[in-house]
Amino acid sequence: MFLSFACGVGWAGLFLLVKDALPGVPFELMMGFGVAVVIFLVLSVHPILLGRTPFGVVPAVLLGLIESLLVTMVTPMLVDGAPGLNLLWLLVVFGYGCLMTLILVAVQDRVISAVLGTTWRSAPTEDAPTRAPRVVG
């Protein structure tokens, strides 16, 4: 998931490079048409070509793209001297969130297992039973 998020940040960086290379294009047109093209490319490339790789988690790619664009649009509006995020810090913050989620899930599993007296897993395992398909008729 982290690698997919990083791809989204990369897509945003590519969008910003193209945006800076076209200085005469109005902001509304660039954001409307440009973002639509980038999202189309993300939805074309990641699920089809990269679907079975760590880069194929499309929601994480879109999250990286949108958060990156939000950070770059909010940063110029900050007052002088206010701390601002850049794309690298965005990756660090997301990575920290992934690590904290992993720790919380591991601790949660141990606490629930201790309380229930049985092994508990938050995420399904390979040998977990699956629901049979419903027969209509």
N, C-alpha and C. Protein backbone atom coordinates (compact mmCIF):
# COMPACT_ATOMS: atom_id res chain seq x y z
N MET A 1 0.82 -1.18 0.00
CA MET A 1 0.00 0.00 0.00
C MET A 1 0.88 1.25 0.00
N PHE A 2 1.97 1.22 0.74
CA PHE A 2 2.85 2.37 0.79
C PHE A 2 3.43 2.66 -0.59
N LEU A 3 3.81 1.61 -1.33
CA LEU A 3 4.37 1.82 -2.67
C LEU A 3 3.32 2.40 -3.62
N SER A 4 2.08 1.99 -3.46
CA SER A 4 1.01 2.56 -4.29
C SER A 4 0.81 4.04 -3.95
N PHE A 5 0.84 4.38 -2.66
CA PHE A 5 0.72 5.78 -2.25
C PHE A 5 1.87 6.59 -2.85
N ALA A 6 3.08 6.02 -2.80
CA ALA A 6 4.24 6.70 -3.36
C ALA A 6 4.07 6.92 -4.87
N CYS A 7 3.43 5.97 -5.55
CA CYS A 7 3.14 6.16 -6.98
C CYS A 7 2.20 7.34 -7.18
N GLY A 8 1.21 7.48 -6.31
CA GLY A 8 0.29 8.62 -6.39
C GLY A 8 1.02 9.93 -6.22
N VAL A 9 1.97 9.96 -5.29
CA VAL A 9 2.79 11.17 -5.09
C VAL A 9 3.63 11.42 -6.35
N GLY A 10 4.10 10.35 -6.97
CA GLY A 10 4.85 10.49 -8.23
C GLY A 10 3.99 11.03 -9.36
N TRP A 11 2.74 10.54 -9.45
CA TRP A 11 1.82 11.07 -10.45
C TRP A 11 1.58 12.56 -10.22
N ALA A 12 1.43 12.96 -8.96
CA ALA A 12 1.23 14.38 -8.65
C ALA A 12 2.45 15.19 -9.04
N GLY A 13 3.64 14.66 -8.77
CA GLY A 13 4.87 15.34 -9.16
C GLY A 13 4.96 15.51 -10.67
N LEU A 14 4.56 14.46 -11.41
CA LEU A 14 4.55 14.55 -12.88
C LEU A 14 3.54 15.59 -13.34
N PHE A 15 2.37 15.60 -12.72
CA PHE A 15 1.35 16.60 -13.06
C PHE A 15 1.88 18.01 -12.82
N LEU A 16 2.57 18.22 -11.70
CA LEU A 16 3.11 19.55 -11.38
C LEU A 16 4.20 19.96 -12.36
N LEU A 17 5.01 18.99 -12.82
CA LEU A 17 6.03 19.31 -13.84
C LEU A 17 5.38 19.76 -15.14
N VAL A 18 4.34 19.04 -15.56
CA VAL A 18 3.64 19.42 -16.80
C VAL A 18 2.94 20.76 -16.62
N LYS A 19 2.34 20.96 -15.45
CA LYS A 19 1.65 22.24 -15.17
C LYS A 19 2.63 23.41 -15.24
N ASP A 20 3.82 23.23 -14.69
CA ASP A 20 4.82 24.30 -14.72
C ASP A 20 5.38 24.53 -16.12
N ALA A 21 5.35 23.49 -16.97
CA ALA A 21 5.86 23.63 -18.34
C ALA A 21 4.85 24.35 -19.25
N LEU A 22 3.60 24.49 -18.78
CA LEU A 22 2.56 25.16 -19.57
C LEU A 22 2.07 26.40 -18.81
N PRO A 23 2.87 27.47 -18.76
CA PRO A 23 2.51 28.62 -17.92
C PRO A 23 1.31 29.41 -18.41
N GLY A 24 0.95 29.34 -19.70
CA GLY A 24 -0.14 30.16 -20.20
C GLY A 24 -1.52 29.54 -20.04
N VAL A 25 -1.59 28.31 -19.57
CA VAL A 25 -2.87 27.62 -19.44
C VAL A 25 -3.57 28.10 -18.17
N PRO A 26 -4.84 28.48 -18.26
CA PRO A 26 -5.57 28.93 -17.06
C PRO A 26 -5.63 27.83 -15.99
N PHE A 27 -5.61 28.27 -14.74
CA PHE A 27 -5.60 27.35 -13.60
C PHE A 27 -6.81 26.41 -13.62
N GLU A 28 -7.99 26.95 -13.91
CA GLU A 28 -9.21 26.14 -13.90
C GLU A 28 -9.15 25.05 -14.95
N LEU A 29 -8.64 25.38 -16.14
CA LEU A 29 -8.53 24.38 -17.21
C LEU A 29 -7.51 23.33 -16.84
N MET A 30 -6.38 23.76 -16.30
CA MET A 30 -5.33 22.80 -15.92
C MET A 30 -5.82 21.85 -14.84
N MET A 31 -6.51 22.39 -13.83
CA MET A 31 -6.98 21.52 -12.75
C MET A 31 -8.13 20.63 -13.21
N GLY A 32 -9.03 21.15 -14.01
CA GLY A 32 -10.16 20.35 -14.47
C GLY A 32 -9.74 19.28 -15.46
N PHE A 33 -9.14 19.70 -16.56
CA PHE A 33 -8.76 18.76 -17.61
C PHE A 33 -7.54 17.94 -17.22
N GLY A 34 -6.54 18.61 -16.64
CA GLY A 34 -5.30 17.92 -16.29
C GLY A 34 -5.49 16.83 -15.25
N VAL A 35 -6.24 17.14 -14.20
CA VAL A 35 -6.48 16.15 -13.15
C VAL A 35 -7.32 15.00 -13.70
N ALA A 36 -8.28 15.30 -14.57
CA ALA A 36 -9.09 14.24 -15.18
C ALA A 36 -8.21 13.30 -16.00
N VAL A 37 -7.27 13.85 -16.76
CA VAL A 37 -6.37 13.02 -17.56
C VAL A 37 -5.49 12.16 -16.65
N VAL A 38 -4.95 12.75 -15.60
CA VAL A 38 -4.09 11.99 -14.69
C VAL A 38 -4.88 10.87 -14.01
N ILE A 39 -6.09 11.16 -13.56
CA ILE A 39 -6.90 10.11 -12.92
C ILE A 39 -7.24 9.02 -13.93
N PHE A 40 -7.53 9.39 -15.18
CA PHE A 40 -7.77 8.38 -16.22
C PHE A 40 -6.53 7.50 -16.40
N LEU A 41 -5.36 8.11 -16.44
CA LEU A 41 -4.12 7.34 -16.59
C LEU A 41 -3.90 6.42 -15.40
N VAL A 42 -4.14 6.92 -14.19
CA VAL A 42 -4.00 6.09 -12.99
C VAL A 42 -4.93 4.89 -13.07
N LEU A 43 -6.21 5.15 -13.43
CA LEU A 43 -7.19 4.07 -13.49
C LEU A 43 -6.95 3.13 -14.66
N SER A 44 -6.17 3.55 -15.64
CA SER A 44 -5.83 2.69 -16.76
C SER A 44 -4.58 1.87 -16.48
N VAL A 45 -3.60 2.48 -15.88
CA VAL A 45 -2.30 1.82 -15.69
C VAL A 45 -2.29 0.90 -14.48
N HIS A 46 -2.71 1.38 -13.34
CA HIS A 46 -2.51 0.61 -12.10
C HIS A 46 -3.36 -0.66 -11.99
N PRO A 47 -4.65 -0.64 -12.25
CA PRO A 47 -5.38 -1.91 -12.12
C PRO A 47 -5.10 -2.88 -13.26
N ILE A 48 -4.80 -2.37 -14.45
CA ILE A 48 -4.62 -3.25 -15.61
C ILE A 48 -3.19 -3.77 -15.69
N LEU A 49 -2.22 -2.88 -15.71
CA LEU A 49 -0.82 -3.29 -15.88
C LEU A 49 -0.14 -3.67 -14.57
N LEU A 50 -0.53 -3.03 -13.48
CA LEU A 50 0.17 -3.25 -12.21
C LEU A 50 -0.73 -3.88 -11.15
N GLY A 51 -1.85 -4.46 -11.56
CA GLY A 51 -2.86 -4.95 -10.62
C GLY A 51 -2.36 -6.01 -9.66
N ARG A 52 -1.44 -6.85 -10.07
CA ARG A 52 -0.96 -7.93 -9.20
C ARG A 52 0.40 -7.62 -8.59
N THR A 53 0.72 -6.34 -8.50
CA THR A 53 1.98 -5.92 -7.91
C THR A 53 1.69 -5.02 -6.70
N PRO A 54 2.71 -4.66 -5.94
CA PRO A 54 2.50 -3.73 -4.82
C PRO A 54 2.07 -2.33 -5.27
N PHE A 55 2.14 -2.05 -6.57
CA PHE A 55 1.76 -0.75 -7.10
C PHE A 55 0.31 -0.73 -7.59
N GLY A 56 -0.44 -1.79 -7.37
CA GLY A 56 -1.77 -1.91 -7.92
C GLY A 56 -2.91 -1.56 -6.99
N VAL A 57 -2.64 -0.99 -5.83
CA VAL A 57 -3.70 -0.61 -4.89
C VAL A 57 -4.21 0.77 -5.30
N VAL A 58 -5.21 0.78 -6.16
CA VAL A 58 -5.68 2.02 -6.79
C VAL A 58 -6.16 3.06 -5.76
N PRO A 59 -6.91 2.68 -4.72
CA PRO A 59 -7.30 3.72 -3.74
C PRO A 59 -6.10 4.41 -3.10
N ALA A 60 -5.02 3.68 -2.83
CA ALA A 60 -3.84 4.30 -2.25
C ALA A 60 -3.15 5.22 -3.26
N VAL A 61 -3.15 4.84 -4.54
CA VAL A 61 -2.56 5.70 -5.58
C VAL A 61 -3.36 7.00 -5.67
N LEU A 62 -4.68 6.88 -5.71
CA LEU A 62 -5.51 8.09 -5.79
C LEU A 62 -5.38 8.95 -4.55
N LEU A 63 -5.25 8.32 -3.37
CA LEU A 63 -5.04 9.07 -2.14
C LEU A 63 -3.73 9.85 -2.21
N GLY A 64 -2.67 9.21 -2.68
CA GLY A 64 -1.39 9.89 -2.82
C GLY A 64 -1.46 11.05 -3.78
N LEU A 65 -2.17 10.86 -4.90
CA LEU A 65 -2.32 11.92 -5.89
C LEU A 65 -3.09 13.10 -5.32
N ILE A 66 -4.26 12.83 -4.75
CA ILE A 66 -5.12 13.91 -4.27
C ILE A 66 -4.49 14.64 -3.07
N GLU A 67 -3.93 13.89 -2.13
CA GLU A 67 -3.29 14.56 -0.99
C GLU A 67 -2.11 15.40 -1.43
N SER A 68 -1.36 14.92 -2.39
CA SER A 68 -0.22 15.70 -2.89
C SER A 68 -0.68 16.99 -3.54
N LEU A 69 -1.73 16.91 -4.35
CA LEU A 69 -2.24 18.12 -4.98
C LEU A 69 -2.80 19.10 -3.95
N LEU A 70 -3.47 18.57 -2.93
CA LEU A 70 -3.98 19.44 -1.87
C LEU A 70 -2.86 20.15 -1.13
N VAL A 71 -1.80 19.41 -0.81
CA VAL A 71 -0.67 20.00 -0.10
C VAL A 71 -0.02 21.09 -0.94
N THR A 72 0.13 20.84 -2.24
CA THR A 72 0.78 21.85 -3.08
C THR A 72 -0.10 23.07 -3.29
N MET A 73 -1.42 22.91 -3.22
CA MET A 73 -2.31 24.07 -3.38
C MET A 73 -2.45 24.85 -2.08
N VAL A 74 -2.36 24.19 -0.93
CA VAL A 74 -2.52 24.87 0.35
C VAL A 74 -1.23 25.58 0.75
N THR A 75 -0.09 25.03 0.41
CA THR A 75 1.20 25.59 0.84
C THR A 75 1.36 27.06 0.46
N PRO A 76 1.02 27.50 -0.76
CA PRO A 76 1.18 28.94 -1.06
C PRO A 76 0.25 29.84 -0.26
N MET A 77 -0.82 29.29 0.31
CA MET A 77 -1.77 30.10 1.07
C MET A 77 -1.35 30.29 2.53
N LEU A 78 -0.31 29.60 2.97
CA LEU A 78 0.13 29.72 4.36
C LEU A 78 0.82 31.06 4.58
N VAL A 79 0.74 31.54 5.80
CA VAL A 79 1.41 32.80 6.14
C VAL A 79 2.92 32.58 6.17
N ASP A 80 3.66 33.64 6.02
CA ASP A 80 5.12 33.54 6.04
C ASP A 80 5.60 32.97 7.37
N GLY A 81 6.51 32.03 7.30
CA GLY A 81 7.07 31.41 8.49
C GLY A 81 6.30 30.19 8.97
N ALA A 82 5.13 29.92 8.40
CA ALA A 82 4.36 28.74 8.81
C ALA A 82 5.00 27.50 8.21
N PRO A 83 5.08 26.42 8.99
CA PRO A 83 5.67 25.19 8.43
C PRO A 83 4.77 24.64 7.33
N GLY A 84 5.38 24.18 6.27
CA GLY A 84 4.62 23.63 5.16
C GLY A 84 5.12 22.24 4.81
N LEU A 85 4.23 21.43 4.29
CA LEU A 85 4.61 20.09 3.84
C LEU A 85 5.11 20.16 2.41
N ASN A 86 5.98 19.23 2.07
CA ASN A 86 6.32 19.02 0.67
C ASN A 86 6.03 17.55 0.36
N LEU A 87 6.27 17.12 -0.85
CA LEU A 87 5.89 15.77 -1.24
C LEU A 87 6.68 14.71 -0.47
N LEU A 88 7.93 14.99 -0.14
CA LEU A 88 8.72 14.03 0.64
C LEU A 88 8.15 13.87 2.05
N TRP A 89 7.78 14.97 2.68
CA TRP A 89 7.19 14.89 4.02
C TRP A 89 5.86 14.17 3.99
N LEU A 90 5.13 14.32 2.89
CA LEU A 90 3.86 13.61 2.74
C LEU A 90 4.10 12.10 2.76
N LEU A 91 5.15 11.64 2.09
CA LEU A 91 5.51 10.21 2.13
C LEU A 91 5.88 9.77 3.54
N VAL A 92 6.64 10.61 4.24
CA VAL A 92 7.05 10.28 5.61
C VAL A 92 5.83 10.18 6.52
N VAL A 93 4.91 11.11 6.42
CA VAL A 93 3.72 11.10 7.27
C VAL A 93 2.87 9.87 6.98
N PHE A 94 2.69 9.54 5.70
CA PHE A 94 1.90 8.35 5.35
C PHE A 94 2.59 7.08 5.82
N GLY A 95 3.91 7.01 5.65
CA GLY A 95 4.67 5.84 6.13
C GLY A 95 4.55 5.68 7.63
N TYR A 96 4.60 6.78 8.37
CA TYR A 96 4.41 6.75 9.81
C TYR A 96 3.02 6.24 10.16
N GLY A 97 2.01 6.68 9.41
CA GLY A 97 0.64 6.20 9.63
C GLY A 97 0.52 4.71 9.36
N CYS A 98 1.17 4.22 8.32
CA CYS A 98 1.16 2.78 8.02
C CYS A 98 1.82 1.99 9.15
N LEU A 99 2.94 2.48 9.66
CA LEU A 99 3.63 1.81 10.75
C LEU A 99 2.79 1.80 12.02
N MET A 100 2.17 2.92 12.35
CA MET A 100 1.33 2.98 13.55
C MET A 100 0.12 2.06 13.42
N THR A 101 -0.47 1.97 12.22
CA THR A 101 -1.59 1.06 12.01
C THR A 101 -1.15 -0.38 12.21
N LEU A 102 0.00 -0.74 11.69
CA LEU A 102 0.53 -2.09 11.87
C LEU A 102 0.73 -2.42 13.35
N ILE A 103 1.30 -1.47 14.09
CA ILE A 103 1.52 -1.68 15.52
C ILE A 103 0.19 -1.81 16.25
N LEU A 104 -0.77 -0.94 15.95
CA LEU A 104 -2.08 -1.00 16.61
C LEU A 104 -2.81 -2.31 16.33
N VAL A 105 -2.73 -2.80 15.10
CA VAL A 105 -3.39 -4.07 14.77
C VAL A 105 -2.72 -5.22 15.52
N ALA A 106 -1.40 -5.21 15.59
CA ALA A 106 -0.69 -6.28 16.30
C ALA A 106 -1.04 -6.26 17.79
N VAL A 107 -1.05 -5.08 18.40
CA VAL A 107 -1.41 -4.97 19.81
C VAL A 107 -2.86 -5.36 20.02
N GLN A 108 -3.73 -4.92 19.14
CA GLN A 108 -5.15 -5.27 19.25
C GLN A 108 -5.34 -6.78 19.18
N ASP A 109 -4.66 -7.44 18.27
CA ASP A 109 -4.77 -8.90 18.16
C ASP A 109 -4.34 -9.59 19.45
N ARG A 110 -3.26 -9.11 20.04
CA ARG A 110 -2.77 -9.73 21.29
C ARG A 110 -3.74 -9.50 22.45
N VAL A 111 -4.27 -8.29 22.55
CA VAL A 111 -5.21 -7.98 23.64
C VAL A 111 -6.48 -8.81 23.49
N ILE A 112 -7.03 -8.85 22.29
CA ILE A 112 -8.26 -9.62 22.08
C ILE A 112 -8.01 -11.10 22.31
N SER A 113 -6.86 -11.62 21.87
CA SER A 113 -6.54 -13.03 22.11
C SER A 113 -6.41 -13.31 23.60
N ALA A 114 -5.83 -12.37 24.35
CA ALA A 114 -5.69 -12.56 25.79
C ALA A 114 -7.05 -12.53 26.48
N VAL A 115 -7.94 -11.66 26.05
CA VAL A 115 -9.26 -11.54 26.67
C VAL A 115 -10.14 -12.74 26.31
N LEU A 116 -10.13 -13.14 25.05
CA LEU A 116 -10.98 -14.24 24.61
C LEU A 116 -10.39 -15.61 24.88
N GLY A 117 -9.08 -15.66 25.10
CA GLY A 117 -8.43 -16.93 25.38
C GLY A 117 -8.26 -17.78 24.13
N THR A 118 -8.36 -17.20 22.98
CA THR A 118 -8.19 -17.92 21.73
C THR A 118 -7.39 -17.04 20.77
N THR A 119 -6.85 -17.63 19.74
CA THR A 119 -6.06 -16.86 18.79
C THR A 119 -6.99 -16.00 17.94
N TRP A 120 -6.66 -14.73 17.86
CA TRP A 120 -7.47 -13.78 17.11
C TRP A 120 -6.62 -13.12 16.05
N ARG A 121 -7.18 -13.00 14.84
CA ARG A 121 -6.49 -12.30 13.76
C ARG A 121 -7.41 -11.26 13.18
N SER A 122 -6.95 -10.01 13.10
CA SER A 122 -7.75 -8.94 12.53
C SER A 122 -7.92 -9.13 11.02
N ALA A 123 -6.87 -9.61 10.38
CA ALA A 123 -6.92 -9.81 8.94
C ALA A 123 -7.19 -11.28 8.65
N PRO A 124 -7.94 -11.57 7.59
CA PRO A 124 -8.21 -12.98 7.27
C PRO A 124 -6.94 -13.69 6.83
N THR A 125 -6.87 -14.98 7.14
CA THR A 125 -5.73 -15.78 6.74
C THR A 125 -6.12 -16.65 5.55
N GLU A 126 -5.13 -17.34 5.00
CA GLU A 126 -5.37 -18.20 3.83
C GLU A 126 -6.35 -19.32 4.15
N ASP A 127 -6.28 -19.85 5.37
CA ASP A 127 -7.13 -20.99 5.72
C ASP A 127 -8.45 -20.57 6.38
N ALA A 128 -8.76 -19.28 6.34
CA ALA A 128 -10.02 -18.81 6.93
C ALA A 128 -11.19 -19.31 6.08
N PRO A 129 -12.27 -19.69 6.74
CA PRO A 129 -13.43 -20.15 5.96
C PRO A 129 -14.04 -18.99 5.16
N THR A 130 -14.50 -19.33 4.00
CA THR A 130 -15.15 -18.32 3.17
C THR A 130 -16.63 -18.63 3.09
N ARG A 131 -17.41 -17.61 2.81
CA ARG A 131 -18.84 -17.79 2.72
C ARG A 131 -19.17 -18.43 1.37
N ALA A 132 -20.04 -19.42 1.41
CA ALA A 132 -20.46 -20.08 0.18
C ALA A 132 -21.35 -19.14 -0.62
N PRO A 133 -21.29 -19.22 -1.94
CA PRO A 133 -22.16 -18.35 -2.74
C PRO A 133 -23.62 -18.69 -2.53
N ARG A 134 -24.45 -17.67 -2.54
CA ARG A 134 -25.87 -17.86 -2.32
C ARG A 134 -26.52 -18.39 -3.61
N VAL A 135 -27.33 -19.41 -3.46
CA VAL A 135 -28.02 -19.99 -4.60
C VAL A 135 -29.39 -19.35 -4.70
N VAL A 136 -29.67 -18.76 -5.85
CA VAL A 136 -30.96 -18.13 -6.06
C VAL A 136 -31.78 -19.03 -6.98
N GLY A 137 -33.00 -19.29 -6.59
CA GLY A 137 -33.77 -20.10 -7.51
C GLY A 137 -34.91 -20.74 -6.93
